[in-house]
N, C-alpha and C. Protein backbone atom coordinates (compact mmCIF):
# COMPACT_ATOMS: atom_id res chain seq x y z
N UNK A 1 124.12 116.75 117.91
CA UNK A 1 123.10 115.73 117.99
C UNK A 1 121.73 116.39 117.78
N UNK A 2 120.91 115.78 116.92
CA UNK A 2 119.60 116.35 116.64
C UNK A 2 118.69 116.22 117.85
N UNK A 3 117.65 117.05 117.86
CA UNK A 3 116.69 117.00 118.96
C UNK A 3 116.04 115.62 119.06
N UNK A 4 115.81 114.98 117.90
CA UNK A 4 115.22 113.65 117.89
C UNK A 4 116.09 112.67 118.65
N UNK A 5 117.38 112.85 118.60
CA UNK A 5 118.30 111.92 119.26
C UNK A 5 118.33 112.10 120.78
N UNK A 6 117.89 113.25 121.27
CA UNK A 6 117.92 113.48 122.71
C UNK A 6 116.61 113.09 123.39
N UNK A 7 115.62 112.70 122.65
CA UNK A 7 114.32 112.29 123.20
C UNK A 7 114.40 110.84 123.68
N UNK A 8 113.48 110.47 124.55
CA UNK A 8 113.30 109.08 124.95
C UNK A 8 112.50 108.42 123.83
N UNK A 9 113.19 107.74 122.93
CA UNK A 9 112.53 107.21 121.74
C UNK A 9 111.65 106.00 122.01
N UNK A 10 111.71 105.48 123.21
CA UNK A 10 110.78 104.40 123.57
C UNK A 10 109.36 104.94 123.68
N UNK A 11 109.22 106.21 124.07
CA UNK A 11 107.89 106.80 124.24
C UNK A 11 107.64 107.99 123.34
N UNK A 12 108.66 108.76 123.03
CA UNK A 12 108.50 110.00 122.26
C UNK A 12 108.80 109.83 120.78
N UNK A 13 108.80 108.60 120.31
CA UNK A 13 109.14 108.38 118.90
C UNK A 13 108.21 109.09 117.93
N UNK A 14 106.89 109.26 118.20
CA UNK A 14 106.08 109.99 117.21
C UNK A 14 106.54 111.45 117.02
N UNK A 15 106.94 112.09 118.10
CA UNK A 15 107.43 113.48 118.00
C UNK A 15 108.75 113.50 117.25
N UNK A 16 109.64 112.58 117.58
CA UNK A 16 110.93 112.49 116.88
C UNK A 16 110.73 112.14 115.41
N UNK A 17 109.74 111.33 115.11
CA UNK A 17 109.44 110.98 113.72
C UNK A 17 108.98 112.22 112.95
N UNK A 18 108.12 113.01 113.55
CA UNK A 18 107.69 114.27 112.93
C UNK A 18 108.91 115.17 112.66
N UNK A 19 109.79 115.32 113.64
CA UNK A 19 110.99 116.15 113.47
C UNK A 19 111.89 115.60 112.37
N UNK A 20 111.99 114.31 112.28
CA UNK A 20 112.81 113.66 111.25
C UNK A 20 112.25 113.94 109.86
N UNK A 21 110.95 113.82 109.71
CA UNK A 21 110.33 114.08 108.40
C UNK A 21 110.44 115.56 108.03
N UNK A 22 110.27 116.44 109.00
CA UNK A 22 110.44 117.88 108.73
C UNK A 22 111.89 118.16 108.29
N UNK A 23 112.85 117.56 108.98
CA UNK A 23 114.27 117.75 108.63
C UNK A 23 114.57 117.23 107.22
N UNK A 24 113.79 116.25 106.77
CA UNK A 24 113.96 115.70 105.42
C UNK A 24 113.26 116.56 104.37
N UNK A 25 112.60 117.63 104.80
CA UNK A 25 111.97 118.54 103.85
C UNK A 25 110.55 118.17 103.46
N UNK A 26 109.90 117.30 104.22
CA UNK A 26 108.52 116.93 103.90
C UNK A 26 107.62 118.14 104.15
N UNK A 27 106.86 118.51 103.13
CA UNK A 27 105.94 119.64 103.20
C UNK A 27 104.50 119.24 102.93
N UNK A 28 104.29 117.96 102.71
CA UNK A 28 102.94 117.47 102.43
C UNK A 28 102.77 116.09 103.05
N UNK A 29 101.58 115.85 103.62
CA UNK A 29 101.28 114.56 104.22
C UNK A 29 99.84 114.19 103.93
N UNK A 30 99.63 112.96 103.47
CA UNK A 30 98.29 112.42 103.23
C UNK A 30 98.08 111.23 104.15
N UNK A 31 96.83 111.01 104.56
CA UNK A 31 96.57 109.92 105.48
C UNK A 31 95.11 109.49 105.49
N UNK A 32 94.92 108.23 105.81
CA UNK A 32 93.63 107.72 106.23
C UNK A 32 93.74 107.67 107.75
N UNK A 33 92.77 108.21 108.48
CA UNK A 33 92.89 108.23 109.94
C UNK A 33 93.25 106.85 110.52
N UNK A 34 94.19 106.87 111.45
CA UNK A 34 94.73 105.63 112.03
C UNK A 34 95.27 105.95 113.41
N UNK A 35 94.89 105.17 114.41
CA UNK A 35 95.35 105.41 115.78
C UNK A 35 96.87 105.32 115.88
N UNK A 36 97.50 104.44 115.14
CA UNK A 36 98.95 104.30 115.19
C UNK A 36 99.70 105.53 114.72
N UNK A 37 99.09 106.29 113.83
CA UNK A 37 99.70 107.52 113.31
C UNK A 37 99.12 108.77 113.97
N UNK A 38 98.28 108.64 114.99
CA UNK A 38 97.50 109.78 115.48
C UNK A 38 98.34 110.96 115.94
N UNK A 39 99.43 110.74 116.66
CA UNK A 39 100.26 111.86 117.10
C UNK A 39 100.93 112.54 115.91
N UNK A 40 101.45 111.74 114.99
CA UNK A 40 102.09 112.30 113.78
C UNK A 40 101.08 113.09 112.96
N UNK A 41 99.88 112.57 112.81
CA UNK A 41 98.83 113.28 112.09
C UNK A 41 98.52 114.61 112.76
N UNK A 42 98.36 114.59 114.07
CA UNK A 42 98.07 115.83 114.81
C UNK A 42 99.18 116.86 114.62
N UNK A 43 100.44 116.43 114.73
CA UNK A 43 101.57 117.36 114.59
C UNK A 43 101.62 117.96 113.19
N UNK A 44 101.41 117.16 112.17
CA UNK A 44 101.41 117.69 110.81
C UNK A 44 100.22 118.61 110.58
N UNK A 45 99.06 118.25 111.10
CA UNK A 45 97.88 119.12 110.93
C UNK A 45 98.05 120.47 111.62
N UNK A 46 98.81 120.52 112.69
CA UNK A 46 99.05 121.77 113.42
C UNK A 46 100.16 122.62 112.80
N UNK A 47 100.90 122.07 111.86
CA UNK A 47 102.04 122.75 111.25
C UNK A 47 101.58 123.57 110.04
N UNK A 48 101.66 124.89 110.17
CA UNK A 48 101.20 125.78 109.09
C UNK A 48 102.04 125.66 107.82
N UNK A 49 103.24 125.08 107.92
CA UNK A 49 104.11 124.94 106.76
C UNK A 49 103.88 123.63 106.00
N UNK A 50 102.97 122.82 106.48
CA UNK A 50 102.71 121.52 105.86
C UNK A 50 101.26 121.45 105.40
N UNK A 51 101.07 120.98 104.21
CA UNK A 51 99.74 120.76 103.65
C UNK A 51 99.36 119.31 103.96
N UNK A 52 98.15 119.08 104.46
CA UNK A 52 97.71 117.73 104.76
C UNK A 52 96.41 117.42 104.03
N UNK A 53 96.21 116.14 103.74
CA UNK A 53 94.98 115.68 103.11
C UNK A 53 94.48 114.45 103.82
N UNK A 54 93.22 114.48 104.24
CA UNK A 54 92.55 113.28 104.75
C UNK A 54 92.01 112.54 103.53
N UNK A 55 92.29 111.27 103.46
CA UNK A 55 91.92 110.47 102.29
C UNK A 55 90.70 109.61 102.59
N UNK A 56 89.95 109.27 101.54
CA UNK A 56 88.88 108.30 101.70
C UNK A 56 89.40 106.90 101.40
N UNK A 57 90.49 106.81 100.66
CA UNK A 57 91.16 105.55 100.38
C UNK A 57 92.64 105.82 100.14
N UNK A 58 93.46 104.86 100.49
CA UNK A 58 94.92 105.05 100.44
C UNK A 58 95.44 105.32 99.04
N UNK A 59 94.80 104.76 98.04
CA UNK A 59 95.30 104.95 96.69
C UNK A 59 95.28 106.42 96.26
N UNK A 60 94.35 107.20 96.80
CA UNK A 60 94.35 108.64 96.53
C UNK A 60 95.67 109.26 96.96
N UNK A 61 96.22 108.78 98.06
CA UNK A 61 97.47 109.32 98.59
C UNK A 61 98.66 109.08 97.69
N UNK A 62 98.63 107.98 96.96
CA UNK A 62 99.72 107.70 96.00
C UNK A 62 99.70 108.76 94.90
N UNK A 63 98.52 109.03 94.36
CA UNK A 63 98.39 110.04 93.30
C UNK A 63 98.73 111.44 93.83
N UNK A 64 98.30 111.73 95.05
CA UNK A 64 98.61 113.04 95.64
C UNK A 64 100.11 113.19 95.87
N UNK A 65 100.78 112.12 96.26
CA UNK A 65 102.25 112.16 96.41
C UNK A 65 102.91 112.49 95.08
N UNK A 66 102.40 111.91 94.00
CA UNK A 66 102.94 112.20 92.66
C UNK A 66 102.73 113.67 92.32
N UNK A 67 101.54 114.17 92.57
CA UNK A 67 101.26 115.58 92.30
C UNK A 67 102.10 116.51 93.14
N UNK A 68 102.32 116.15 94.39
CA UNK A 68 103.17 116.96 95.27
C UNK A 68 104.57 117.04 94.70
N UNK A 69 105.10 115.91 94.29
CA UNK A 69 106.47 115.89 93.73
C UNK A 69 106.54 116.74 92.47
N UNK A 70 105.56 116.60 91.60
CA UNK A 70 105.54 117.40 90.37
C UNK A 70 105.43 118.89 90.68
N UNK A 71 104.81 119.22 91.81
CA UNK A 71 104.70 120.61 92.25
C UNK A 71 105.89 121.08 93.09
N UNK A 72 106.92 120.26 93.20
CA UNK A 72 108.13 120.65 93.91
C UNK A 72 108.10 120.41 95.41
N UNK A 73 107.18 119.60 95.90
CA UNK A 73 107.06 119.33 97.34
C UNK A 73 107.36 117.87 97.65
N UNK A 74 107.99 117.65 98.78
CA UNK A 74 108.21 116.29 99.28
C UNK A 74 107.00 115.88 100.11
N UNK A 75 106.57 114.65 99.90
CA UNK A 75 105.34 114.16 100.52
C UNK A 75 105.57 112.82 101.20
N UNK A 76 104.76 112.56 102.21
CA UNK A 76 104.73 111.25 102.86
C UNK A 76 103.28 110.80 102.94
N UNK A 77 103.07 109.51 102.71
CA UNK A 77 101.75 108.91 102.80
C UNK A 77 101.73 108.01 104.04
N UNK A 78 100.75 108.24 104.92
CA UNK A 78 100.59 107.43 106.13
C UNK A 78 99.42 106.48 105.92
N UNK A 79 99.65 105.20 106.19
CA UNK A 79 98.56 104.23 106.08
C UNK A 79 98.80 103.06 107.01
N UNK A 80 97.79 102.22 107.11
CA UNK A 80 97.85 101.00 107.88
C UNK A 80 98.11 99.85 106.90
N UNK A 81 98.60 98.72 107.40
CA UNK A 81 98.89 97.59 106.52
C UNK A 81 97.68 97.15 105.70
N UNK A 82 96.49 97.24 106.26
CA UNK A 82 95.29 96.88 105.49
C UNK A 82 95.12 97.79 104.28
N UNK A 83 95.61 99.02 104.37
CA UNK A 83 95.52 99.96 103.27
C UNK A 83 96.42 99.61 102.10
N UNK A 84 97.48 98.86 102.36
CA UNK A 84 98.37 98.44 101.27
C UNK A 84 97.57 97.63 100.26
N UNK A 85 96.71 96.76 100.75
CA UNK A 85 95.87 95.97 99.84
C UNK A 85 94.93 96.83 99.02
N UNK A 86 94.51 97.97 99.59
CA UNK A 86 93.60 98.86 98.88
C UNK A 86 94.28 99.60 97.73
N UNK A 87 95.59 99.77 97.80
CA UNK A 87 96.25 100.63 96.80
C UNK A 87 97.35 99.93 96.00
N UNK A 88 97.37 98.62 96.00
CA UNK A 88 98.47 97.92 95.34
C UNK A 88 98.57 98.27 93.85
N UNK A 89 97.46 98.39 93.14
CA UNK A 89 97.53 98.77 91.71
C UNK A 89 98.09 100.17 91.53
N UNK A 90 97.66 101.11 92.35
CA UNK A 90 98.10 102.49 92.22
C UNK A 90 99.59 102.64 92.52
N UNK A 91 100.15 101.72 93.29
CA UNK A 91 101.59 101.81 93.60
C UNK A 91 102.46 101.62 92.37
N UNK A 92 101.88 101.14 91.28
CA UNK A 92 102.65 101.06 90.04
C UNK A 92 102.97 102.46 89.49
N UNK A 93 102.19 103.47 89.88
CA UNK A 93 102.44 104.84 89.42
C UNK A 93 103.83 105.34 89.81
N UNK A 94 104.21 105.35 91.09
CA UNK A 94 105.56 105.82 91.40
C UNK A 94 106.65 104.88 90.91
N UNK A 95 106.37 103.58 90.91
CA UNK A 95 107.38 102.62 90.46
C UNK A 95 107.66 102.80 88.98
N UNK A 96 106.63 102.83 88.15
CA UNK A 96 106.83 102.95 86.70
C UNK A 96 107.25 104.36 86.29
N UNK A 97 106.79 105.36 87.01
CA UNK A 97 107.14 106.75 86.68
C UNK A 97 108.47 107.17 87.30
N UNK A 98 108.98 106.37 88.23
CA UNK A 98 110.28 106.59 88.86
C UNK A 98 110.34 107.92 89.62
N UNK A 99 109.25 108.28 90.30
CA UNK A 99 109.32 109.49 91.12
C UNK A 99 109.48 109.08 92.59
N UNK A 100 110.07 109.95 93.38
CA UNK A 100 110.27 109.65 94.80
C UNK A 100 108.94 109.37 95.50
N UNK A 101 108.95 108.34 96.32
CA UNK A 101 107.74 107.97 97.05
C UNK A 101 108.13 107.43 98.41
N UNK A 102 107.51 107.98 99.46
CA UNK A 102 107.75 107.52 100.82
C UNK A 102 106.42 107.28 101.50
N UNK A 103 106.26 106.09 102.05
CA UNK A 103 105.06 105.77 102.82
C UNK A 103 105.46 105.13 104.14
N UNK A 104 104.73 105.47 105.18
CA UNK A 104 104.92 104.88 106.50
C UNK A 104 103.68 104.04 106.79
N UNK A 105 103.89 102.77 107.07
CA UNK A 105 102.81 101.81 107.20
C UNK A 105 102.79 101.24 108.61
N UNK A 106 101.72 101.53 109.36
CA UNK A 106 101.56 100.91 110.67
C UNK A 106 101.01 99.50 110.45
N UNK A 107 101.65 98.55 111.10
CA UNK A 107 101.29 97.15 110.89
C UNK A 107 100.15 96.71 111.79
N UNK A 108 99.33 95.85 111.24
CA UNK A 108 98.26 95.14 111.97
C UNK A 108 98.42 93.66 111.65
N UNK A 109 97.71 92.84 112.40
CA UNK A 109 97.75 91.40 112.14
C UNK A 109 98.97 90.72 112.71
N UNK A 110 99.66 91.39 113.62
CA UNK A 110 100.89 90.85 114.21
C UNK A 110 100.71 90.72 115.72
N UNK A 111 101.66 91.19 116.44
CA UNK A 111 101.76 91.08 117.90
C UNK A 111 100.48 91.57 118.57
N UNK A 112 99.87 90.69 119.37
CA UNK A 112 98.69 91.00 120.18
C UNK A 112 97.48 91.46 119.36
N UNK A 113 97.39 91.05 118.11
CA UNK A 113 96.24 91.43 117.28
C UNK A 113 94.98 90.72 117.78
N UNK A 114 93.90 91.46 117.90
CA UNK A 114 92.62 90.90 118.35
C UNK A 114 91.64 90.70 117.20
N UNK A 115 91.89 91.34 116.05
CA UNK A 115 90.95 91.33 114.94
C UNK A 115 91.44 90.36 113.86
N UNK A 116 90.79 89.21 113.70
CA UNK A 116 91.26 88.23 112.71
C UNK A 116 91.25 88.74 111.28
N UNK A 117 90.45 89.76 110.99
CA UNK A 117 90.38 90.31 109.63
C UNK A 117 91.66 91.05 109.26
N UNK A 118 92.45 91.45 110.25
CA UNK A 118 93.70 92.17 109.98
C UNK A 118 94.87 91.23 109.67
N UNK A 119 94.76 89.97 110.05
CA UNK A 119 95.88 89.04 109.94
C UNK A 119 96.32 88.75 108.50
N UNK A 120 95.43 88.44 107.55
CA UNK A 120 95.91 88.11 106.19
C UNK A 120 96.73 89.22 105.53
N UNK A 121 96.23 90.46 105.58
CA UNK A 121 96.99 91.54 104.94
C UNK A 121 98.25 91.86 105.73
N UNK A 122 98.20 91.71 107.06
CA UNK A 122 99.41 91.88 107.85
C UNK A 122 100.50 90.93 107.39
N UNK A 123 100.13 89.70 107.11
CA UNK A 123 101.10 88.70 106.62
C UNK A 123 101.59 89.03 105.22
N UNK A 124 100.73 89.62 104.40
CA UNK A 124 101.05 89.85 102.98
C UNK A 124 101.65 91.21 102.68
N UNK A 125 101.69 92.12 103.64
CA UNK A 125 102.09 93.50 103.35
C UNK A 125 103.48 93.60 102.75
N UNK A 126 104.49 93.10 103.42
CA UNK A 126 105.86 93.25 102.93
C UNK A 126 106.04 92.61 101.56
N UNK A 127 105.56 91.37 101.41
CA UNK A 127 105.71 90.68 100.12
C UNK A 127 104.97 91.41 99.00
N UNK A 128 103.80 91.96 99.31
CA UNK A 128 103.04 92.69 98.29
C UNK A 128 103.77 93.94 97.83
N UNK A 129 104.30 94.69 98.79
CA UNK A 129 105.04 95.92 98.44
C UNK A 129 106.30 95.59 97.65
N UNK A 130 107.01 94.58 98.05
CA UNK A 130 108.23 94.19 97.33
C UNK A 130 107.89 93.67 95.93
N UNK A 131 106.79 92.93 95.80
CA UNK A 131 106.41 92.40 94.49
C UNK A 131 106.08 93.51 93.50
N UNK A 132 105.51 94.62 93.98
CA UNK A 132 105.16 95.72 93.09
C UNK A 132 106.38 96.59 92.77
N UNK A 133 107.47 96.44 93.56
CA UNK A 133 108.71 97.14 93.24
C UNK A 133 109.20 98.13 94.27
N UNK A 134 108.55 98.22 95.42
CA UNK A 134 109.01 99.15 96.47
C UNK A 134 110.12 98.51 97.29
N UNK A 135 111.00 99.34 97.79
CA UNK A 135 111.97 98.91 98.80
C UNK A 135 111.23 98.95 100.13
N UNK A 136 111.35 97.89 100.91
CA UNK A 136 110.65 97.81 102.19
C UNK A 136 111.66 97.74 103.32
N UNK A 137 111.52 98.66 104.26
CA UNK A 137 112.33 98.69 105.47
C UNK A 137 111.38 98.51 106.64
N UNK A 138 111.90 97.99 107.75
CA UNK A 138 111.03 97.70 108.89
C UNK A 138 111.67 98.19 110.17
N UNK A 139 110.83 98.69 111.09
CA UNK A 139 111.31 99.17 112.38
C UNK A 139 110.45 98.58 113.49
N UNK A 140 111.12 98.18 114.58
CA UNK A 140 110.42 97.56 115.71
C UNK A 140 110.57 98.37 117.00
N UNK A 141 111.52 99.33 117.02
CA UNK A 141 111.72 100.17 118.20
C UNK A 141 111.70 101.63 117.77
N UNK A 142 111.50 102.52 118.73
CA UNK A 142 111.49 103.94 118.41
C UNK A 142 112.80 104.41 117.80
N UNK A 143 113.92 104.00 118.40
CA UNK A 143 115.23 104.41 117.89
C UNK A 143 115.45 103.86 116.48
N UNK A 144 115.07 102.61 116.27
CA UNK A 144 115.21 102.00 114.95
C UNK A 144 114.34 102.73 113.92
N UNK A 145 113.15 103.13 114.34
CA UNK A 145 112.24 103.83 113.43
C UNK A 145 112.83 105.15 112.96
N UNK A 146 113.40 105.91 113.86
CA UNK A 146 113.96 107.21 113.48
C UNK A 146 115.11 107.02 112.49
N UNK A 147 116.03 106.11 112.79
CA UNK A 147 117.14 105.83 111.87
C UNK A 147 116.63 105.34 110.52
N UNK A 148 115.65 104.46 110.55
CA UNK A 148 115.12 103.87 109.32
C UNK A 148 114.44 104.93 108.46
N UNK A 149 113.65 105.81 109.07
CA UNK A 149 112.96 106.85 108.30
C UNK A 149 113.96 107.86 107.75
N UNK A 150 114.99 108.19 108.50
CA UNK A 150 116.04 109.08 107.96
C UNK A 150 116.63 108.48 106.68
N UNK A 151 116.95 107.20 106.72
CA UNK A 151 117.53 106.54 105.55
C UNK A 151 116.52 106.41 104.42
N UNK A 152 115.28 106.08 104.76
CA UNK A 152 114.24 105.96 103.75
C UNK A 152 113.99 107.28 103.03
N UNK A 153 113.98 108.37 103.78
CA UNK A 153 113.79 109.69 103.16
C UNK A 153 114.93 110.02 102.21
N UNK A 154 116.14 109.69 102.61
CA UNK A 154 117.30 109.91 101.72
C UNK A 154 117.14 109.08 100.45
N UNK A 155 116.79 107.81 100.61
CA UNK A 155 116.62 106.95 99.44
C UNK A 155 115.52 107.49 98.53
N UNK A 156 114.39 107.88 99.10
CA UNK A 156 113.27 108.35 98.29
C UNK A 156 113.57 109.68 97.62
N UNK A 157 113.94 110.66 98.42
CA UNK A 157 114.02 112.03 97.89
C UNK A 157 115.35 112.37 97.21
N UNK A 158 116.43 111.70 97.58
CA UNK A 158 117.72 112.00 96.95
C UNK A 158 118.08 111.00 95.85
N UNK A 159 117.52 109.79 95.93
CA UNK A 159 117.86 108.76 94.94
C UNK A 159 116.65 108.32 94.12
N UNK A 160 115.55 109.09 94.21
CA UNK A 160 114.34 108.81 93.43
C UNK A 160 113.85 107.36 93.57
N UNK A 161 113.84 106.88 94.79
CA UNK A 161 113.38 105.52 95.07
C UNK A 161 111.96 105.53 95.63
N UNK A 162 111.34 104.37 95.64
CA UNK A 162 110.01 104.19 96.18
C UNK A 162 110.18 103.31 97.42
N UNK A 163 109.88 103.87 98.59
CA UNK A 163 110.23 103.21 99.84
C UNK A 163 109.02 103.17 100.79
N UNK A 164 108.83 102.01 101.39
CA UNK A 164 107.83 101.84 102.43
C UNK A 164 108.55 101.47 103.72
N UNK A 165 108.19 102.14 104.80
CA UNK A 165 108.70 101.79 106.12
C UNK A 165 107.56 101.17 106.90
N UNK A 166 107.76 99.93 107.31
CA UNK A 166 106.76 99.22 108.10
C UNK A 166 107.06 99.45 109.57
N UNK A 167 106.06 99.90 110.30
CA UNK A 167 106.19 100.18 111.73
C UNK A 167 105.53 99.02 112.47
N UNK A 168 106.37 98.20 113.13
CA UNK A 168 105.89 97.00 113.78
C UNK A 168 104.79 97.26 114.80
N UNK A 169 103.84 96.35 114.88
CA UNK A 169 102.70 96.50 115.76
C UNK A 169 103.11 96.52 117.23
N UNK A 170 104.19 95.87 117.56
CA UNK A 170 104.65 95.88 118.96
C UNK A 170 105.04 97.29 119.40
N UNK A 171 105.66 98.06 118.50
CA UNK A 171 106.02 99.45 118.82
C UNK A 171 104.76 100.29 119.05
N UNK A 172 103.73 100.02 118.29
CA UNK A 172 102.48 100.79 118.40
C UNK A 172 101.71 100.44 119.65
N UNK A 173 101.90 99.26 120.17
CA UNK A 173 101.18 98.81 121.36
C UNK A 173 99.92 98.07 121.02
N UNK A 174 99.41 97.37 121.98
CA UNK A 174 98.21 96.58 121.81
C UNK A 174 97.00 97.49 121.60
N UNK A 175 96.22 97.17 120.58
CA UNK A 175 95.00 97.94 120.31
C UNK A 175 93.98 97.67 121.41
N UNK A 176 93.29 98.73 121.80
CA UNK A 176 92.25 98.62 122.83
C UNK A 176 90.96 99.19 122.26
N UNK A 177 89.91 98.41 122.29
CA UNK A 177 88.61 98.88 121.79
C UNK A 177 87.59 98.78 122.87
């Protein structure tokens, strides 16, 4: 049994998620800063074997993922659901070029959302990703997230698929400002 499986995935899922991505051979991670990904971002930034990039916009991460793959590295792009709207055109790059692509998307505009500006893109995220050609998987619990990301990484990196994993807002917890 992997170390990720022995953790309390209700609370330690970010650490298990990091271990899962490392086990899948991810050596590069791009992100726009996001509280939902904060532990994962910190763990990747502290890992000397992983190259990380802070992005000014999510679409840069799509291009960087392509470059990573061409350079022989597996990459993951971390973003929030609002970022999907920012990079929808750029997502045609991995779809049309047929290179492996994995993105983890923290959802907004759902459970206990306080910001009305997050709701429209939260509603449109899955349909938008599917319309552009990505396979979309969704996780609502820590255990479900680990299993889902393991499968998504296999689909992306072994079967040259373009996959987005949506991380439900309930798993992330209520935002506090």
